[in-house]
């Protein structure tokens, strides 16, 4: 791990380092980028977990204050409250009616409707989804249930967020590396520096470090920068061009086949 941080520092501050990078065995840059992605993903997942936990607490407090106990047995819902039971929270309507009097969310911008055997969720005027309760054998939503969700939600969701974010980041970064390798190819051609695609790929893996870390720092501190996509791409392109140029003296001839 210490070596990864050392390499990241060199990738940012020492363009001569790219003369070594270009001749690394394929396993070394792959290990570097996967480890860098894992470290950044873990840090950001921990950061966003605090926001998630805060959101869960707010939702739990709201549920305890507004929702009556709800029980579902063999796909049939019931609630010990006068129905239709309606709650309006800004533009969101929450309705419980197992009597059949209310059967849709027409007239509401957004809402949730719990009926005897189904749950209807209206996201907007064009998107409404209906979920059948038949697959639920036994479920009781009450104070104990809400407090259990409050206590355990983070630990249940954390590995899912981490794995999902890691996979997404891997796909995104490798896509960027391959796409921006066109810049490296163009730079090596224009500068008449003979580098193989493997060497250019190695350079691309390390040259993405400054842009990636900058984006991660902004996300970590919740900062939004206008046209950051342009800044990200411009920084990556600049590092690629300078890194390729610095390899000129040490460049090798492309092997003939």
C-alpha atoms as a PDB file:
ATOM      1  CA  UNK A   1       0.000   0.000   0.000  1.00  0.00           C
ATOM      2  CA  UNK A   2       2.852   2.385   0.839  1.00  0.00           C
ATOM      3  CA  UNK A   3       4.305   1.820  -2.629  1.00  0.00           C
ATOM      4  CA  UNK A   4       0.989   2.781  -4.239  1.00  0.00           C
ATOM      5  CA  UNK A   5       0.926   6.132  -2.413  1.00  0.00           C
ATOM      6  CA  UNK A   6       4.556   6.718  -3.373  1.00  0.00           C
ATOM      7  CA  UNK A   7       3.800   6.009  -7.033  1.00  0.00           C
ATOM      8  CA  UNK A   8       0.764   8.296  -6.923  1.00  0.00           C
ATOM      9  CA  UNK A   9       2.946  11.092  -5.593  1.00  0.00           C
ATOM     10  CA  UNK A  10       5.474  10.592  -8.378  1.00  0.00           C
ATOM     11  CA  UNK A  11       2.729  10.395 -11.021  1.00  0.00           C
ATOM     12  CA  UNK A  12       1.561  13.846  -9.906  1.00  0.00           C
ATOM     13  CA  UNK A  13       4.847  15.625  -9.248  1.00  0.00           C
ATOM     14  CA  UNK A  14       7.606  13.959 -11.309  1.00  0.00           C
ATOM     15  CA  UNK A  15       7.261  13.683 -15.081  1.00  0.00           C
ATOM     16  CA  UNK A  16      10.600  11.853 -15.312  1.00  0.00           C
ATOM     17  CA  UNK A  17       8.845   9.008 -13.491  1.00  0.00           C
ATOM     18  CA  UNK A  18       6.953   8.258 -16.708  1.00  0.00           C
ATOM     19  CA  UNK A  19      10.204   7.120 -18.320  1.00  0.00           C
ATOM     20  CA  UNK A  20      10.116   4.219 -15.855  1.00  0.00           C
ATOM     21  CA  UNK A  21       6.355   3.797 -16.097  1.00  0.00           C
ATOM     22  CA  UNK A  22       6.360   3.073 -19.814  1.00  0.00           C
ATOM     23  CA  UNK A  23       8.458  -0.068 -19.329  1.00  0.00           C
ATOM     24  CA  UNK A  24       6.593  -1.504 -16.335  1.00  0.00           C
ATOM     25  CA  UNK A  25       5.266  -5.030 -16.708  1.00  0.00           C
ATOM     26  CA  UNK A  26       1.465  -5.046 -17.310  1.00  0.00           C
ATOM     27  CA  UNK A  27       0.734  -6.343 -13.810  1.00  0.00           C
ATOM     28  CA  UNK A  28       2.268  -3.282 -12.110  1.00  0.00           C
ATOM     29  CA  UNK A  29       0.046  -0.525 -13.589  1.00  0.00           C
ATOM     30  CA  UNK A  30      -3.004  -2.787 -13.242  1.00  0.00           C
ATOM     31  CA  UNK A  31      -2.237  -3.364  -9.558  1.00  0.00           C
ATOM     32  CA  UNK A  32      -1.711   0.373  -9.147  1.00  0.00           C
ATOM     33  CA  UNK A  33      -4.978   1.524 -10.709  1.00  0.00           C
ATOM     34  CA  UNK A  34      -7.110  -1.167  -9.017  1.00  0.00           C
ATOM     35  CA  UNK A  35      -5.603  -0.319  -5.613  1.00  0.00           C
ATOM     36  CA  UNK A  36      -6.003   3.421  -6.171  1.00  0.00           C
ATOM     37  CA  UNK A  37      -9.648   2.941  -7.155  1.00  0.00           C
ATOM     38  CA  UNK A  38     -10.261   0.733  -4.111  1.00  0.00           C
ATOM     39  CA  UNK A  39      -8.700   3.246  -1.681  1.00  0.00           C
ATOM     40  CA  UNK A  40     -10.596   6.215  -3.119  1.00  0.00           C
ATOM     41  CA  UNK A  41     -13.847   4.265  -3.321  1.00  0.00           C
ATOM     42  CA  UNK A  42     -13.515   3.143   0.293  1.00  0.00           C
ATOM     43  CA  UNK A  43     -12.847   6.693   1.516  1.00  0.00           C
ATOM     44  CA  UNK A  44     -15.773   8.137  -0.441  1.00  0.00           C
ATOM     45  CA  UNK A  45     -18.093   5.323   0.644  1.00  0.00           C
ATOM     46  CA  UNK A  46     -17.275   6.032   4.290  1.00  0.00           C
ATOM     47  CA  UNK A  47     -17.848   9.751   3.655  1.00  0.00           C
ATOM     48  CA  UNK A  48     -21.227   9.248   1.996  1.00  0.00           C
ATOM     49  CA  UNK A  49     -22.243   6.684   4.611  1.00  0.00           C
ATOM     50  CA  UNK A  50     -22.508   9.522   7.138  1.00  0.00           C
ATOM     51  CA  UNK A  51     -24.994  11.281   4.829  1.00  0.00           C
ATOM     52  CA  UNK A  52     -26.867   8.011   4.360  1.00  0.00           C
ATOM     53  CA  UNK A  53     -27.042   7.445   8.111  1.00  0.00           C
ATOM     54  CA  UNK A  54     -28.334  10.975   8.606  1.00  0.00           C
ATOM     55  CA  UNK A  55     -31.007  10.392   5.976  1.00  0.00           C
ATOM     56  CA  UNK A  56     -32.060   7.112   7.606  1.00  0.00           C
ATOM     57  CA  UNK A  57     -32.420   8.844  10.986  1.00  0.00           C
ATOM     58  CA  UNK A  58     -34.575  11.595   9.467  1.00  0.00           C
ATOM     59  CA  UNK A  59     -36.768   9.029   7.702  1.00  0.00           C
ATOM     60  CA  UNK A  60     -37.052   6.929  10.870  1.00  0.00           C
ATOM     61  CA  UNK A  61     -38.087   9.928  12.970  1.00  0.00           C
ATOM     62  CA  UNK A  62     -40.688  10.874  10.368  1.00  0.00           C
ATOM     63  CA  UNK A  63     -42.067   7.326  10.251  1.00  0.00           C
ATOM     64  CA  UNK A  64     -42.367   7.107  14.032  1.00  0.00           C
ATOM     65  CA  UNK A  65     -44.236  10.404  14.146  1.00  0.00           C
ATOM     66  CA  UNK A  66     -46.569   9.834  11.184  1.00  0.00           C
ATOM     67  CA  UNK A  67     -47.082   6.159  10.400  1.00  0.00           C
ATOM     68  CA  UNK A  68     -49.481   3.887  12.280  1.00  0.00           C
ATOM     69  CA  UNK A  69     -48.453   0.261  12.824  1.00  0.00           C
ATOM     70  CA  UNK A  70     -48.861  -1.640   9.544  1.00  0.00           C
ATOM     71  CA  UNK A  71     -49.084  -5.417   9.301  1.00  0.00           C
ATOM     72  CA  UNK A  72     -48.884  -7.633   6.247  1.00  0.00           C
ATOM     73  CA  UNK A  73     -49.921 -11.269   6.564  1.00  0.00           C
ATOM     74  CA  UNK A  74     -49.866 -13.587   3.540  1.00  0.00           C
ATOM     75  CA  UNK A  75     -49.841 -10.659   1.155  1.00  0.00           C
ATOM     76  CA  UNK A  76     -52.721  -8.807   2.835  1.00  0.00           C
ATOM     77  CA  UNK A  77     -52.092  -5.432   4.482  1.00  0.00           C
ATOM     78  CA  UNK A  78     -53.937  -3.984   7.458  1.00  0.00           C
ATOM     79  CA  UNK A  79     -53.541  -0.898   9.630  1.00  0.00           C
ATOM     80  CA  UNK A  80     -55.291  -0.043  12.875  1.00  0.00           C
ATOM     81  CA  UNK A  81     -56.184   3.512  11.884  1.00  0.00           C
ATOM     82  CA  UNK A  82     -59.167   5.325  10.393  1.00  0.00           C
ATOM     83  CA  UNK A  83     -58.974   4.983   6.616  1.00  0.00           C
ATOM     84  CA  UNK A  84     -58.306   6.451   4.148  1.00  0.00           C
ATOM     85  CA  UNK A  85     -55.308   7.685   6.145  1.00  0.00           C
ATOM     86  CA  UNK A  86     -53.600  10.560   4.330  1.00  0.00           C
ATOM     87  CA  UNK A  87     -50.396  12.462   5.002  1.00  0.00           C
ATOM     88  CA  UNK A  88     -49.091  15.306   2.837  1.00  0.00           C
ATOM     89  CA  UNK A  89     -45.384  16.145   3.016  1.00  0.00           C
ATOM     90  CA  UNK A  90     -44.760  19.034   0.630  1.00  0.00           C
ATOM     91  CA  UNK A  91     -45.715  17.555  -2.779  1.00  0.00           C
ATOM     92  CA  UNK A  92     -45.596  13.922  -1.599  1.00  0.00           C
ATOM     93  CA  UNK A  93     -48.813  12.166  -0.570  1.00  0.00           C
ATOM     94  CA  UNK A  94     -48.813   9.051   1.593  1.00  0.00           C
ATOM     95  CA  UNK A  95     -52.123   7.208   1.698  1.00  0.00           C
ATOM     96  CA  UNK A  96     -53.103   4.023   3.522  1.00  0.00           C
ATOM     97  CA  UNK A  97     -56.408   2.540   2.435  1.00  0.00           C
ATOM     98  CA  UNK A  98     -57.074  -1.183   2.633  1.00  0.00           C
ATOM     99  CA  UNK A  99     -60.839  -0.663   2.251  1.00  0.00           C
ATOM    100  CA  UNK A 100     -60.777  -0.136  -1.506  1.00  0.00           C
ATOM    101  CA  UNK A 101     -62.074   3.427  -1.390  1.00  0.00           C
ATOM    102  CA  UNK A 102     -58.861   4.913  -2.808  1.00  0.00           C
ATOM    103  CA  UNK A 103     -57.452   3.017  -5.767  1.00  0.00           C
ATOM    104  CA  UNK A 104     -55.098   5.473  -7.456  1.00  0.00           C
ATOM    105  CA  UNK A 105     -52.903   8.508  -6.910  1.00  0.00           C
ATOM    106  CA  UNK A 106     -54.622  10.611  -9.550  1.00  0.00           C
ATOM    107  CA  UNK A 107     -54.576  14.247  -8.554  1.00  0.00           C
ATOM    108  CA  UNK A 108     -51.267  13.975  -6.669  1.00  0.00           C
ATOM    109  CA  UNK A 109     -47.896  14.970  -8.151  1.00  0.00           C
ATOM    110  CA  UNK A 110     -46.058  12.245  -6.225  1.00  0.00           C
ATOM    111  CA  UNK A 111     -47.147   9.721  -3.689  1.00  0.00           C
ATOM    112  CA  UNK A 112     -47.299   6.300  -2.083  1.00  0.00           C
ATOM    113  CA  UNK A 113     -50.541   4.368  -1.766  1.00  0.00           C
ATOM    114  CA  UNK A 114     -50.793   1.214   0.346  1.00  0.00           C
ATOM    115  CA  UNK A 115     -53.837  -0.859  -0.543  1.00  0.00           C
ATOM    116  CA  UNK A 116     -54.991  -4.237   0.710  1.00  0.00           C
ATOM    117  CA  UNK A 117     -52.812  -6.273  -1.623  1.00  0.00           C
ATOM    118  CA  UNK A 118     -50.506  -3.831  -3.398  1.00  0.00           C
ATOM    119  CA  UNK A 119     -48.318  -0.785  -3.023  1.00  0.00           C
ATOM    120  CA  UNK A 120     -48.412   2.002  -5.607  1.00  0.00           C
ATOM    121  CA  UNK A 121     -45.537   4.471  -5.967  1.00  0.00           C
ATOM    122  CA  UNK A 122     -45.977   7.529  -8.181  1.00  0.00           C
ATOM    123  CA  UNK A 123     -42.692   9.267  -8.948  1.00  0.00           C
ATOM    124  CA  UNK A 124     -44.156  11.828 -11.314  1.00  0.00           C
ATOM    125  CA  UNK A 125     -47.011  12.311 -13.783  1.00  0.00           C
ATOM    126  CA  UNK A 126     -45.519   9.849 -16.279  1.00  0.00           C
ATOM    127  CA  UNK A 127     -44.023   7.195 -14.004  1.00  0.00           C
ATOM    128  CA  UNK A 128     -46.063   5.070 -11.601  1.00  0.00           C
ATOM    129  CA  UNK A 129     -45.041   1.637 -10.348  1.00  0.00           C
ATOM    130  CA  UNK A 130     -47.183  -0.994  -8.649  1.00  0.00           C
ATOM    131  CA  UNK A 131     -45.817  -3.696  -6.340  1.00  0.00           C
ATOM    132  CA  UNK A 132     -47.820  -6.795  -5.409  1.00  0.00           C
ATOM    133  CA  UNK A 133     -47.715  -7.785  -1.732  1.00  0.00           C
ATOM    134  CA  UNK A 134     -48.357 -11.472  -2.412  1.00  0.00           C
ATOM    135  CA  UNK A 135     -44.700 -12.414  -1.858  1.00  0.00           C
ATOM    136  CA  UNK A 136     -44.716 -11.045   1.713  1.00  0.00           C
ATOM    137  CA  UNK A 137     -45.658 -13.703   4.261  1.00  0.00           C
ATOM    138  CA  UNK A 138     -45.249 -11.758   7.486  1.00  0.00           C
ATOM    139  CA  UNK A 139     -44.169  -8.168   8.063  1.00  0.00           C
ATOM    140  CA  UNK A 140     -45.021  -5.708  10.799  1.00  0.00           C
ATOM    141  CA  UNK A 141     -43.924  -2.115  10.412  1.00  0.00           C
ATOM    142  CA  UNK A 142     -43.945  -0.544  13.842  1.00  0.00           C
ATOM    143  CA  UNK A 143     -41.602   1.170  16.278  1.00  0.00           C
ATOM    144  CA  UNK A 144     -39.429  -1.942  16.716  1.00  0.00           C
ATOM    145  CA  UNK A 145     -39.118  -2.384  12.956  1.00  0.00           C
ATOM    146  CA  UNK A 146     -38.219   1.272  12.358  1.00  0.00           C
ATOM    147  CA  UNK A 147     -35.618   1.264  15.137  1.00  0.00           C
ATOM    148  CA  UNK A 148     -34.091  -1.946  13.750  1.00  0.00           C
ATOM    149  CA  UNK A 149     -33.766  -0.290  10.330  1.00  0.00           C
ATOM    150  CA  UNK A 150     -32.232   2.769  11.977  1.00  0.00           C
ATOM    151  CA  UNK A 151     -29.663   0.585  13.752  1.00  0.00           C
ATOM    152  CA  UNK A 152     -28.725  -1.840  10.983  1.00  0.00           C
ATOM    153  CA  UNK A 153     -29.353  -0.079   7.658  1.00  0.00           C
ATOM    154  CA  UNK A 154     -25.822   1.292   7.339  1.00  0.00           C
ATOM    155  CA  UNK A 155     -24.124  -2.075   7.906  1.00  0.00           C
ATOM    156  CA  UNK A 156     -26.476  -3.767   5.459  1.00  0.00           C
ATOM    157  CA  UNK A 157     -26.031  -1.204   2.717  1.00  0.00           C
ATOM    158  CA  UNK A 158     -22.329  -0.328   3.161  1.00  0.00           C
ATOM    159  CA  UNK A 159     -20.854  -3.396   1.374  1.00  0.00           C
ATOM    160  CA  UNK A 160     -23.405  -3.046  -1.437  1.00  0.00           C
ATOM    161  CA  UNK A 161     -22.482   0.621  -1.958  1.00  0.00           C
ATOM    162  CA  UNK A 162     -18.752  -0.143  -1.752  1.00  0.00           C
ATOM    163  CA  UNK A 163     -18.844  -3.015  -4.246  1.00  0.00           C
ATOM    164  CA  UNK A 164     -21.154  -1.160  -6.619  1.00  0.00           C
ATOM    165  CA  UNK A 165     -19.062   2.012  -6.476  1.00  0.00           C
ATOM    166  CA  UNK A 166     -15.816   0.059  -6.980  1.00  0.00           C
ATOM    167  CA  UNK A 167     -17.133  -1.769 -10.059  1.00  0.00           C
ATOM    168  CA  UNK A 168     -18.565   1.443 -11.503  1.00  0.00           C
ATOM    169  CA  UNK A 169     -15.313   3.331 -10.908  1.00  0.00           C
ATOM    170  CA  UNK A 170     -13.245   0.548 -12.513  1.00  0.00           C
ATOM    171  CA  UNK A 171     -15.404   0.597 -15.640  1.00  0.00           C
ATOM    172  CA  UNK A 172     -15.332   4.409 -15.808  1.00  0.00           C
ATOM    173  CA  UNK A 173     -11.569   4.758 -15.306  1.00  0.00           C
ATOM    174  CA  UNK A 174     -10.601   2.054 -17.792  1.00  0.00           C
ATOM    175  CA  UNK A 175     -12.990   3.556 -20.340  1.00  0.00           C
ATOM    176  CA  UNK A 176     -11.310   6.931 -19.834  1.00  0.00           C
ATOM    177  CA  UNK A 177      -7.833   5.407 -20.070  1.00  0.00           C
ATOM    178  CA  UNK A 178      -8.668   3.710 -23.377  1.00  0.00           C
ATOM    179  CA  UNK A 179     -10.427   6.753 -24.845  1.00  0.00           C
ATOM    180  CA  UNK A 180      -7.690   9.195 -23.828  1.00  0.00           C
ATOM    181  CA  UNK A 181      -5.026   6.844 -25.166  1.00  0.00           C
ATOM    182  CA  UNK A 182      -5.931   8.426 -28.513  1.00  0.00           C
ATOM    183  CA  UNK A 183      -4.331  11.601 -27.161  1.00  0.00           C
ATOM    184  CA  UNK A 184      -1.161   9.659 -26.290  1.00  0.00           C
ATOM    185  CA  UNK A 185      -1.053   8.076 -29.736  1.00  0.00           C
ATOM    186  CA  UNK A 186      -1.494  11.465 -31.396  1.00  0.00           C
ATOM    187  CA  UNK A 187       1.155  13.056 -29.175  1.00  0.00           C
ATOM    188  CA  UNK A 188       3.693  10.312 -29.830  1.00  0.00           C
ATOM    189  CA  UNK A 189       3.026  10.556 -33.580  1.00  0.00           C
ATOM    190  CA  UNK A 190       3.301  14.337 -33.739  1.00  0.00           C
ATOM    191  CA  UNK A 191       6.399  14.396 -31.532  1.00  0.00           C
ATOM    192  CA  UNK A 192       7.865  11.451 -33.468  1.00  0.00           C
ATOM    193  CA  UNK A 193       8.365   9.376 -30.336  1.00  0.00           C
ATOM    194  CA  UNK A 194       8.192   5.647 -30.958  1.00  0.00           C
ATOM    195  CA  UNK A 195       6.194   4.043 -28.172  1.00  0.00           C
ATOM    196  CA  UNK A 196       4.166   0.854 -28.243  1.00  0.00           C
ATOM    197  CA  UNK A 197       0.505   0.880 -27.240  1.00  0.00           C
ATOM    198  CA  UNK A 198       1.462  -1.066 -24.093  1.00  0.00           C
ATOM    199  CA  UNK A 199       3.829   1.748 -23.121  1.00  0.00           C
ATOM    200  CA  UNK A 200       1.198   4.373 -23.865  1.00  0.00           C
ATOM    201  CA  UNK A 201      -1.333   2.421 -21.814  1.00  0.00           C
ATOM    202  CA  UNK A 202       1.064   2.357 -18.851  1.00  0.00           C
ATOM    203  CA  UNK A 203       1.501   6.122 -19.145  1.00  0.00           C
ATOM    204  CA  UNK A 204      -2.265   6.598 -19.356  1.00  0.00           C
ATOM    205  CA  UNK A 205      -2.856   4.611 -16.163  1.00  0.00           C
ATOM    206  CA  UNK A 206      -0.543   6.801 -14.102  1.00  0.00           C
ATOM    207  CA  UNK A 207      -1.367  10.086 -15.867  1.00  0.00           C
ATOM    208  CA  UNK A 208      -5.011   9.826 -14.787  1.00  0.00           C
ATOM    209  CA  UNK A 209      -3.923  10.115 -11.144  1.00  0.00           C
ATOM    210  CA  UNK A 210      -4.065  13.937 -10.775  1.00  0.00           C
ATOM    211  CA  UNK A 211      -7.522  14.244 -12.348  1.00  0.00           C
ATOM    212  CA  UNK A 212      -8.888  11.279 -10.397  1.00  0.00           C
ATOM    213  CA  UNK A 213      -7.576  12.478  -7.037  1.00  0.00           C
ATOM    214  CA  UNK A 214      -8.773  16.038  -7.684  1.00  0.00           C
ATOM    215  CA  UNK A 215     -12.275  14.765  -8.443  1.00  0.00           C
ATOM    216  CA  UNK A 216     -12.207  12.557  -5.347  1.00  0.00           C
ATOM    217  CA  UNK A 217     -11.185  15.471  -3.111  1.00  0.00           C
ATOM    218  CA  UNK A 218     -14.009  17.630  -4.437  1.00  0.00           C
ATOM    219  CA  UNK A 219     -16.479  14.802  -3.809  1.00  0.00           C
ATOM    220  CA  UNK A 220     -15.056  14.174  -0.345  1.00  0.00           C
ATOM    221  CA  UNK A 221     -15.622  17.778   0.728  1.00  0.00           C
ATOM    222  CA  UNK A 222     -18.887  18.151  -1.157  1.00  0.00           C
ATOM    223  CA  UNK A 223     -17.564  20.873  -3.468  1.00  0.00           C
ATOM    224  CA  UNK A 224     -19.048  21.570  -6.876  1.00  0.00           C
ATOM    225  CA  UNK A 225     -16.887  23.179  -9.554  1.00  0.00           C
ATOM    226  CA  UNK A 226     -18.478  24.486 -12.765  1.00  0.00           C
ATOM    227  CA  UNK A 227     -17.373  22.671 -15.936  1.00  0.00           C
ATOM    228  CA  UNK A 228     -15.311  20.259 -13.849  1.00  0.00           C
ATOM    229  CA  UNK A 229     -15.548  17.726 -16.675  1.00  0.00           C
ATOM    230  CA  UNK A 230     -13.560  20.112 -18.867  1.00  0.00           C
ATOM    231  CA  UNK A 231     -11.022  20.705 -16.097  1.00  0.00           C
ATOM    232  CA  UNK A 232     -10.716  16.939 -15.475  1.00  0.00           C
ATOM    233  CA  UNK A 233     -10.171  16.189 -19.174  1.00  0.00           C
ATOM    234  CA  UNK A 234      -7.823  19.121 -19.700  1.00  0.00           C
ATOM    235  CA  UNK A 235      -5.628  18.103 -16.777  1.00  0.00           C
ATOM    236  CA  UNK A 236      -5.521  14.484 -17.959  1.00  0.00           C
ATOM    237  CA  UNK A 237      -4.639  15.525 -21.516  1.00  0.00           C
ATOM    238  CA  UNK A 238      -1.900  17.862 -20.283  1.00  0.00           C
ATOM    239  CA  UNK A 239      -0.307  15.110 -18.190  1.00  0.00           C
ATOM    240  CA  UNK A 240      -0.496  12.658 -21.090  1.00  0.00           C
ATOM    241  CA  UNK A 241       1.194  15.016 -23.546  1.00  0.00           C
ATOM    242  CA  UNK A 242       3.963  16.110 -21.161  1.00  0.00           C
ATOM    243  CA  UNK A 243       4.535  12.518 -19.976  1.00  0.00           C
ATOM    244  CA  UNK A 244       4.889  11.274 -23.556  1.00  0.00           C
ATOM    245  CA  UNK A 245       7.231  14.146 -24.396  1.00  0.00           C
ATOM    246  CA  UNK A 246       9.415  13.363 -21.372  1.00  0.00           C
ATOM    247  CA  UNK A 247       9.768   9.788 -22.607  1.00  0.00           C
ATOM    248  CA  UNK A 248      11.426  11.002 -25.808  1.00  0.00           C
ATOM    249  CA  UNK A 249      14.992  10.487 -24.713  1.00  0.00           C
ATOM    250  CA  UNK A 250      14.279   7.030 -23.329  1.00  0.00           C
ATOM    251  CA  UNK A 251      11.830   5.826 -25.987  1.00  0.00           C
ATOM    252  CA  UNK A 252      12.507   2.494 -27.617  1.00  0.00           C
ATOM    253  CA  UNK A 253      11.897   1.432 -31.169  1.00  0.00           C
ATOM    254  CA  UNK A 254       8.584  -0.352 -31.760  1.00  0.00           C
ATOM    255  CA  UNK A 255       9.419  -4.053 -32.058  1.00  0.00           C
ATOM    256  CA  UNK A 256       8.953  -5.490 -35.547  1.00  0.00           C
ATOM    257  CA  UNK A 257       7.002  -8.674 -36.066  1.00  0.00           C
END
